[in-house]
Each structure stands twice: as structure tokens, then as C-alpha cells.
Amino acid sequence: MYLLATYLPVGYFDFFGRDYLMYLLLFLALLIGAVSLFQFFGSKTSIDPLSPSKVSTLVTSGLYQYSRNPMYLALLLLLLSWGLYLGNAFNTLLAAGFVYYMNTFQILPEEEVLTNIFGKEYQKYCVIVRRWF
């Protein structure tokens, strides 16, 4: 995002309240990220995204009753906040690329593992709770 904002000669934007929105997204990212991590620690389950098979408990309460992936949502909000700071409209394309990448290469494999571990309980959870927000 930094390289794009620095070397792409077009795409700069500014609007009234940009800084407020940037700080709001940053605050929400930190809050959502911290709360979701504490929920995993409280459930004594793994937070390692590279080894979803280490999970021992299906967390479905708190933030996880609204989003199946609040940690990834926090990262997206952080990217959007940084994009606002940098002020280049094309950074939203990189944020969209982040969502595509996470859905394809991280979330779908995680969901497959969690379905194998938790079966119908996880499938029911997926029907009730959206993937991002």
C-alpha cells in the first residue's frame, strides 16, 4: 500500500473527516482484534492460522456470534485505516485483494478443517453467522 501510494502518480484523495474515519477504523480494528484474541485465549484454543487442526474448542459467543472471522475483519479494518492515512484510492483495490486472498487461501481451508473437526455443529454455525460481518 505504501509503495502504491508513493509511486502511483494518480489516485490521491482527501475529504472532510478522512482523519476521523481513519482513527475510527483503527480503533475498531484494535478493539475487535483484541477482543477476538481474548475470546480464543479464554476458551483455551489455538489462534495459529497456519494450523487450524490444533483448535480444541469452537468459539461461537461474543464477537463470534456476529462474524466467523473477527480477527481477519480486524486486519481488513487496519488495512482500510492505513489506506485512508496514505490517501490513495487505489489502496481499496489492495484491501479487496486481501479479502479475496483470505477467503480463497486461508478461510476456505480453515472451514474445511473445522467442518471435519466439529461436523454439524460447525455447519450450523456457518449458516447462522456470516463469514466477515
N, C-alpha and C. Protein backbone atom coordinates (compact mmCIF):
# COMPACT_ATOMS: atom_id res chain seq x y z
N MET A 1 0.83 -1.18 0.00
CA MET A 1 0.00 0.00 0.00
C MET A 1 0.87 1.25 0.00
N TYR A 2 1.94 1.19 0.78
CA TYR A 2 2.83 2.34 0.84
C TYR A 2 3.47 2.60 -0.52
N LEU A 3 3.96 1.54 -1.17
CA LEU A 3 4.59 1.70 -2.48
C LEU A 3 3.60 2.23 -3.50
N LEU A 4 2.39 1.73 -3.47
CA LEU A 4 1.37 2.20 -4.39
C LEU A 4 1.09 3.69 -4.16
N ALA A 5 0.93 4.08 -2.93
CA ALA A 5 0.66 5.49 -2.62
C ALA A 5 1.85 6.38 -2.96
N THR A 6 3.05 5.85 -2.85
CA THR A 6 4.24 6.65 -3.10
C THR A 6 4.54 6.81 -4.58
N TYR A 7 4.39 5.72 -5.35
CA TYR A 7 4.87 5.74 -6.73
C TYR A 7 3.78 5.85 -7.80
N LEU A 8 2.53 5.68 -7.42
CA LEU A 8 1.46 5.84 -8.41
C LEU A 8 1.09 7.32 -8.46
N PRO A 9 1.26 7.95 -9.61
CA PRO A 9 1.07 9.40 -9.66
C PRO A 9 -0.39 9.85 -9.60
N VAL A 10 -1.31 8.96 -9.68
CA VAL A 10 -2.73 9.33 -9.61
C VAL A 10 -3.39 8.58 -8.46
N GLY A 11 -4.56 9.02 -8.09
CA GLY A 11 -5.33 8.30 -7.09
C GLY A 11 -5.38 8.98 -5.74
N TYR A 12 -4.65 10.10 -5.57
CA TYR A 12 -4.69 10.77 -4.28
C TYR A 12 -6.09 11.32 -4.02
N PHE A 13 -6.54 11.20 -2.81
CA PHE A 13 -7.85 11.75 -2.44
C PHE A 13 -7.79 12.33 -1.04
N ASP A 14 -8.68 13.23 -0.80
CA ASP A 14 -8.84 13.81 0.53
C ASP A 14 -10.30 14.24 0.65
N PHE A 15 -10.84 14.14 1.83
CA PHE A 15 -12.20 14.59 2.07
C PHE A 15 -12.35 14.98 3.53
N PHE A 16 -13.36 15.77 3.78
CA PHE A 16 -13.62 16.22 5.14
C PHE A 16 -13.90 15.01 6.03
N GLY A 17 -13.21 14.89 7.11
CA GLY A 17 -13.43 13.79 8.04
C GLY A 17 -12.57 12.57 7.77
N ARG A 18 -11.68 12.64 6.80
CA ARG A 18 -10.84 11.49 6.48
C ARG A 18 -10.04 11.03 7.70
N ASP A 19 -9.46 11.97 8.42
CA ASP A 19 -8.68 11.60 9.60
C ASP A 19 -9.56 10.96 10.67
N TYR A 20 -10.76 11.48 10.86
CA TYR A 20 -11.67 10.90 11.85
C TYR A 20 -12.04 9.47 11.49
N LEU A 21 -12.33 9.25 10.20
CA LEU A 21 -12.67 7.91 9.74
C LEU A 21 -11.48 6.98 9.90
N MET A 22 -10.29 7.48 9.59
CA MET A 22 -9.08 6.67 9.72
C MET A 22 -8.89 6.22 11.18
N TYR A 23 -9.04 7.16 12.12
CA TYR A 23 -8.87 6.82 13.53
C TYR A 23 -9.99 5.91 14.03
N LEU A 24 -11.19 6.11 13.54
CA LEU A 24 -12.30 5.24 13.92
C LEU A 24 -12.04 3.80 13.46
N LEU A 25 -11.62 3.63 12.21
CA LEU A 25 -11.32 2.29 11.70
C LEU A 25 -10.16 1.66 12.45
N LEU A 26 -9.15 2.47 12.78
CA LEU A 26 -8.02 1.96 13.55
C LEU A 26 -8.46 1.51 14.94
N PHE A 27 -9.27 2.32 15.60
CA PHE A 27 -9.78 1.96 16.92
C PHE A 27 -10.60 0.68 16.86
N LEU A 28 -11.51 0.58 15.87
CA LEU A 28 -12.32 -0.63 15.73
C LEU A 28 -11.46 -1.85 15.44
N ALA A 29 -10.43 -1.68 14.61
CA ALA A 29 -9.54 -2.80 14.29
C ALA A 29 -8.84 -3.30 15.55
N LEU A 30 -8.32 -2.38 16.34
CA LEU A 30 -7.62 -2.79 17.57
C LEU A 30 -8.57 -3.41 18.57
N LEU A 31 -9.75 -2.84 18.71
CA LEU A 31 -10.74 -3.36 19.65
C LEU A 31 -11.22 -4.75 19.24
N ILE A 32 -11.62 -4.89 17.99
CA ILE A 32 -12.12 -6.19 17.50
C ILE A 32 -11.02 -7.24 17.57
N GLY A 33 -9.79 -6.86 17.17
CA GLY A 33 -8.68 -7.80 17.22
C GLY A 33 -8.38 -8.26 18.63
N ALA A 34 -8.33 -7.32 19.57
CA ALA A 34 -8.03 -7.67 20.96
C ALA A 34 -9.12 -8.54 21.58
N VAL A 35 -10.37 -8.15 21.40
CA VAL A 35 -11.49 -8.91 21.98
C VAL A 35 -11.54 -10.32 21.41
N SER A 36 -11.35 -10.45 20.09
CA SER A 36 -11.41 -11.78 19.48
C SER A 36 -10.26 -12.67 19.96
N LEU A 37 -9.08 -12.08 20.13
CA LEU A 37 -7.95 -12.86 20.67
C LEU A 37 -8.20 -13.29 22.11
N PHE A 38 -8.72 -12.38 22.94
CA PHE A 38 -9.01 -12.72 24.32
C PHE A 38 -10.07 -13.82 24.41
N GLN A 39 -11.02 -13.81 23.48
CA GLN A 39 -12.03 -14.87 23.49
C GLN A 39 -11.39 -16.23 23.20
N PHE A 40 -10.45 -16.26 22.26
CA PHE A 40 -9.76 -17.52 21.98
C PHE A 40 -8.91 -17.95 23.16
N PHE A 41 -8.18 -17.01 23.76
CA PHE A 41 -7.36 -17.35 24.92
C PHE A 41 -8.24 -17.84 26.06
N GLY A 42 -9.40 -17.19 26.26
CA GLY A 42 -10.33 -17.59 27.32
C GLY A 42 -10.89 -18.98 27.10
N SER A 43 -11.03 -19.37 25.84
CA SER A 43 -11.54 -20.71 25.50
C SER A 43 -10.42 -21.76 25.46
N LYS A 44 -9.19 -21.29 25.67
CA LYS A 44 -8.02 -22.19 25.67
C LYS A 44 -7.91 -22.98 24.37
N THR A 45 -8.05 -22.26 23.26
CA THR A 45 -7.92 -22.89 21.95
C THR A 45 -6.85 -22.17 21.15
N SER A 46 -6.39 -22.77 20.09
CA SER A 46 -5.29 -22.26 19.29
C SER A 46 -5.71 -21.05 18.44
N ILE A 47 -4.80 -20.08 18.33
CA ILE A 47 -5.03 -18.95 17.43
C ILE A 47 -4.13 -19.03 16.20
N ASP A 48 -3.42 -20.13 16.04
CA ASP A 48 -2.48 -20.30 14.93
C ASP A 48 -3.24 -20.48 13.62
N PRO A 49 -3.21 -19.47 12.73
CA PRO A 49 -3.97 -19.59 11.48
C PRO A 49 -3.35 -20.58 10.49
N LEU A 50 -2.10 -20.96 10.72
CA LEU A 50 -1.44 -21.91 9.83
C LEU A 50 -1.73 -23.36 10.21
N SER A 51 -2.27 -23.57 11.41
CA SER A 51 -2.58 -24.92 11.87
C SER A 51 -3.98 -24.97 12.48
N PRO A 52 -5.01 -24.84 11.64
CA PRO A 52 -6.37 -24.85 12.21
C PRO A 52 -6.73 -26.18 12.86
N SER A 53 -5.99 -27.24 12.58
CA SER A 53 -6.29 -28.54 13.18
C SER A 53 -5.96 -28.57 14.67
N LYS A 54 -5.23 -27.57 15.18
CA LYS A 54 -4.89 -27.51 16.60
C LYS A 54 -6.05 -26.98 17.45
N VAL A 55 -7.11 -26.56 16.80
CA VAL A 55 -8.26 -25.99 17.52
C VAL A 55 -8.90 -27.06 18.39
N SER A 56 -9.25 -26.66 19.63
CA SER A 56 -9.86 -27.62 20.54
C SER A 56 -11.29 -27.25 20.91
N THR A 57 -11.66 -25.99 20.68
CA THR A 57 -12.99 -25.51 21.06
C THR A 57 -13.54 -24.64 19.94
N LEU A 58 -14.81 -24.78 19.65
CA LEU A 58 -15.49 -23.93 18.68
C LEU A 58 -16.03 -22.71 19.43
N VAL A 59 -15.48 -21.54 19.13
CA VAL A 59 -15.90 -20.31 19.80
C VAL A 59 -17.03 -19.69 18.99
N THR A 60 -18.21 -19.58 19.61
CA THR A 60 -19.38 -19.07 18.89
C THR A 60 -20.08 -17.94 19.63
N SER A 61 -19.50 -17.48 20.73
CA SER A 61 -20.15 -16.42 21.50
C SER A 61 -19.37 -15.12 21.33
N GLY A 62 -19.87 -14.05 21.96
CA GLY A 62 -19.20 -12.76 21.87
C GLY A 62 -19.18 -12.25 20.44
N LEU A 63 -18.02 -11.81 19.99
CA LEU A 63 -17.89 -11.31 18.62
C LEU A 63 -18.17 -12.41 17.59
N TYR A 64 -17.91 -13.64 17.99
CA TYR A 64 -18.07 -14.76 17.06
C TYR A 64 -19.53 -15.11 16.79
N GLN A 65 -20.46 -14.46 17.46
CA GLN A 65 -21.86 -14.66 17.10
C GLN A 65 -22.28 -13.69 16.00
N TYR A 66 -21.38 -12.76 15.63
CA TYR A 66 -21.66 -11.80 14.56
C TYR A 66 -20.75 -12.00 13.35
N SER A 67 -19.57 -12.54 13.57
CA SER A 67 -18.61 -12.76 12.49
C SER A 67 -17.84 -14.04 12.79
N ARG A 68 -17.68 -14.88 11.76
CA ARG A 68 -16.90 -16.09 11.95
C ARG A 68 -15.40 -15.78 11.96
N ASN A 69 -15.03 -14.61 11.47
CA ASN A 69 -13.61 -14.26 11.35
C ASN A 69 -13.30 -12.85 11.82
N PRO A 70 -13.58 -12.53 13.08
CA PRO A 70 -13.32 -11.16 13.52
C PRO A 70 -11.84 -10.78 13.52
N MET A 71 -10.94 -11.74 13.65
CA MET A 71 -9.51 -11.41 13.58
C MET A 71 -9.15 -10.93 12.19
N TYR A 72 -9.66 -11.59 11.17
CA TYR A 72 -9.40 -11.16 9.80
C TYR A 72 -10.13 -9.85 9.50
N LEU A 73 -11.31 -9.69 10.06
CA LEU A 73 -12.02 -8.42 9.92
C LEU A 73 -11.21 -7.29 10.52
N ALA A 74 -10.58 -7.52 11.66
CA ALA A 74 -9.72 -6.51 12.28
C ALA A 74 -8.56 -6.15 11.37
N LEU A 75 -7.97 -7.15 10.72
CA LEU A 75 -6.87 -6.87 9.78
C LEU A 75 -7.36 -6.05 8.59
N LEU A 76 -8.55 -6.36 8.09
CA LEU A 76 -9.12 -5.59 6.98
C LEU A 76 -9.35 -4.14 7.39
N LEU A 77 -9.90 -3.93 8.58
CA LEU A 77 -10.13 -2.56 9.07
C LEU A 77 -8.80 -1.83 9.23
N LEU A 78 -7.77 -2.53 9.67
CA LEU A 78 -6.45 -1.94 9.80
C LEU A 78 -5.92 -1.51 8.43
N LEU A 79 -6.09 -2.37 7.43
CA LEU A 79 -5.66 -2.02 6.07
C LEU A 79 -6.43 -0.82 5.53
N LEU A 80 -7.73 -0.78 5.77
CA LEU A 80 -8.53 0.35 5.30
C LEU A 80 -8.11 1.64 6.00
N SER A 81 -7.80 1.56 7.28
CA SER A 81 -7.33 2.72 8.02
C SER A 81 -6.00 3.21 7.46
N TRP A 82 -5.11 2.29 7.19
CA TRP A 82 -3.81 2.66 6.63
C TRP A 82 -3.98 3.27 5.24
N GLY A 83 -4.90 2.68 4.46
CA GLY A 83 -5.19 3.23 3.13
C GLY A 83 -5.70 4.66 3.21
N LEU A 84 -6.53 4.95 4.19
CA LEU A 84 -7.00 6.33 4.39
C LEU A 84 -5.84 7.25 4.78
N TYR A 85 -4.97 6.75 5.62
CA TYR A 85 -3.80 7.53 6.01
C TYR A 85 -2.95 7.87 4.80
N LEU A 86 -2.73 6.89 3.94
CA LEU A 86 -1.90 7.10 2.76
C LEU A 86 -2.61 7.97 1.72
N GLY A 87 -3.94 7.94 1.69
CA GLY A 87 -4.71 8.82 0.82
C GLY A 87 -4.68 8.47 -0.65
N ASN A 88 -4.54 7.18 -0.98
CA ASN A 88 -4.58 6.78 -2.38
C ASN A 88 -5.75 5.84 -2.58
N ALA A 89 -6.65 6.22 -3.48
CA ALA A 89 -7.88 5.47 -3.71
C ALA A 89 -7.62 4.05 -4.19
N PHE A 90 -6.52 3.84 -4.87
CA PHE A 90 -6.23 2.50 -5.40
C PHE A 90 -5.90 1.49 -4.29
N ASN A 91 -5.62 1.99 -3.09
CA ASN A 91 -5.39 1.08 -1.97
C ASN A 91 -6.63 0.28 -1.61
N THR A 92 -7.80 0.78 -1.97
CA THR A 92 -9.01 -0.01 -1.72
C THR A 92 -9.00 -1.28 -2.56
N LEU A 93 -8.37 -1.22 -3.72
CA LEU A 93 -8.24 -2.43 -4.55
C LEU A 93 -7.35 -3.46 -3.85
N LEU A 94 -6.31 -2.98 -3.18
CA LEU A 94 -5.45 -3.91 -2.43
C LEU A 94 -6.20 -4.50 -1.25
N ALA A 95 -7.05 -3.71 -0.60
CA ALA A 95 -7.86 -4.24 0.50
C ALA A 95 -8.83 -5.29 -0.03
N ALA A 96 -9.41 -5.04 -1.20
CA ALA A 96 -10.30 -6.04 -1.81
C ALA A 96 -9.51 -7.30 -2.17
N GLY A 97 -8.28 -7.12 -2.61
CA GLY A 97 -7.41 -8.26 -2.90
C GLY A 97 -7.10 -9.06 -1.64
N PHE A 98 -6.96 -8.37 -0.52
CA PHE A 98 -6.75 -9.04 0.77
C PHE A 98 -7.95 -9.93 1.10
N VAL A 99 -9.16 -9.41 0.91
CA VAL A 99 -10.38 -10.19 1.19
C VAL A 99 -10.43 -11.42 0.29
N TYR A 100 -10.14 -11.24 -1.00
CA TYR A 100 -10.14 -12.38 -1.94
C TYR A 100 -9.10 -13.42 -1.50
N TYR A 101 -7.89 -12.96 -1.21
CA TYR A 101 -6.83 -13.88 -0.82
C TYR A 101 -7.21 -14.64 0.45
N MET A 102 -7.69 -13.93 1.46
CA MET A 102 -8.05 -14.57 2.72
C MET A 102 -9.17 -15.58 2.53
N ASN A 103 -10.19 -15.21 1.76
CA ASN A 103 -11.29 -16.14 1.51
C ASN A 103 -10.79 -17.40 0.81
N THR A 104 -9.95 -17.23 -0.19
CA THR A 104 -9.52 -18.35 -1.03
C THR A 104 -8.47 -19.24 -0.35
N PHE A 105 -7.46 -18.62 0.23
CA PHE A 105 -6.30 -19.39 0.68
C PHE A 105 -6.21 -19.59 2.19
N GLN A 106 -7.05 -18.90 2.95
CA GLN A 106 -6.99 -19.07 4.40
C GLN A 106 -8.33 -19.56 4.96
N ILE A 107 -9.40 -18.84 4.67
CA ILE A 107 -10.68 -19.14 5.31
C ILE A 107 -11.28 -20.43 4.79
N LEU A 108 -11.31 -20.64 3.49
CA LEU A 108 -11.90 -21.88 2.96
C LEU A 108 -11.18 -23.13 3.48
N PRO A 109 -9.84 -23.16 3.47
CA PRO A 109 -9.16 -24.32 4.08
C PRO A 109 -9.46 -24.47 5.57
N GLU A 110 -9.51 -23.34 6.30
CA GLU A 110 -9.86 -23.41 7.73
C GLU A 110 -11.25 -23.99 7.91
N GLU A 111 -12.19 -23.54 7.10
CA GLU A 111 -13.57 -24.02 7.23
C GLU A 111 -13.67 -25.51 6.96
N GLU A 112 -12.87 -26.00 6.03
CA GLU A 112 -12.87 -27.43 5.74
C GLU A 112 -12.36 -28.22 6.95
N VAL A 113 -11.29 -27.75 7.55
CA VAL A 113 -10.74 -28.42 8.74
C VAL A 113 -11.74 -28.37 9.89
N LEU A 114 -12.34 -27.19 10.11
CA LEU A 114 -13.29 -27.05 11.21
C LEU A 114 -14.53 -27.92 10.99
N THR A 115 -14.95 -28.08 9.74
CA THR A 115 -16.08 -28.98 9.44
C THR A 115 -15.71 -30.42 9.77
N ASN A 116 -14.48 -30.80 9.46
CA ASN A 116 -14.03 -32.16 9.79
C ASN A 116 -13.95 -32.38 11.29
N ILE A 117 -13.55 -31.35 12.04
CA ILE A 117 -13.40 -31.50 13.49
C ILE A 117 -14.75 -31.42 14.20
N PHE A 118 -15.55 -30.41 13.86
CA PHE A 118 -16.78 -30.13 14.63
C PHE A 118 -18.06 -30.56 13.92
N GLY A 119 -17.97 -30.98 12.67
CA GLY A 119 -19.11 -31.54 11.95
C GLY A 119 -20.32 -30.64 11.85
N LYS A 120 -21.48 -31.21 12.19
CA LYS A 120 -22.75 -30.49 12.04
C LYS A 120 -22.84 -29.24 12.91
N GLU A 121 -22.18 -29.24 14.06
CA GLU A 121 -22.19 -28.06 14.92
C GLU A 121 -21.57 -26.86 14.18
N TYR A 122 -20.46 -27.10 13.48
CA TYR A 122 -19.82 -26.01 12.73
C TYR A 122 -20.65 -25.63 11.50
N GLN A 123 -21.22 -26.61 10.83
CA GLN A 123 -22.05 -26.31 9.66
C GLN A 123 -23.25 -25.46 10.05
N LYS A 124 -23.86 -25.76 11.17
CA LYS A 124 -24.99 -24.96 11.66
C LYS A 124 -24.52 -23.54 11.98
N TYR A 125 -23.38 -23.42 12.62
CA TYR A 125 -22.80 -22.12 12.93
C TYR A 125 -22.57 -21.30 11.66
N CYS A 126 -22.08 -21.95 10.61
CA CYS A 126 -21.83 -21.26 9.33
C CYS A 126 -23.12 -20.74 8.70
N VAL A 127 -24.21 -21.43 8.90
CA VAL A 127 -25.49 -20.99 8.36
C VAL A 127 -25.99 -19.76 9.12
N ILE A 128 -25.76 -19.73 10.41
CA ILE A 128 -26.28 -18.65 11.26
C ILE A 128 -25.42 -17.39 11.20
N VAL A 129 -24.09 -17.55 11.15
CA VAL A 129 -23.15 -16.42 11.26
C VAL A 129 -22.42 -16.20 9.94
N ARG A 130 -22.38 -14.94 9.53
CA ARG A 130 -21.71 -14.59 8.28
C ARG A 130 -20.19 -14.70 8.41
N ARG A 131 -19.53 -14.84 7.29
CA ARG A 131 -18.07 -15.05 7.27
C ARG A 131 -17.30 -13.82 7.75
N TRP A 132 -17.68 -12.63 7.31
CA TRP A 132 -16.92 -11.43 7.66
C TRP A 132 -17.69 -10.53 8.62
N PHE A 133 -18.86 -10.08 8.22
CA PHE A 133 -19.65 -9.19 9.07
C PHE A 133 -21.09 -9.15 8.59
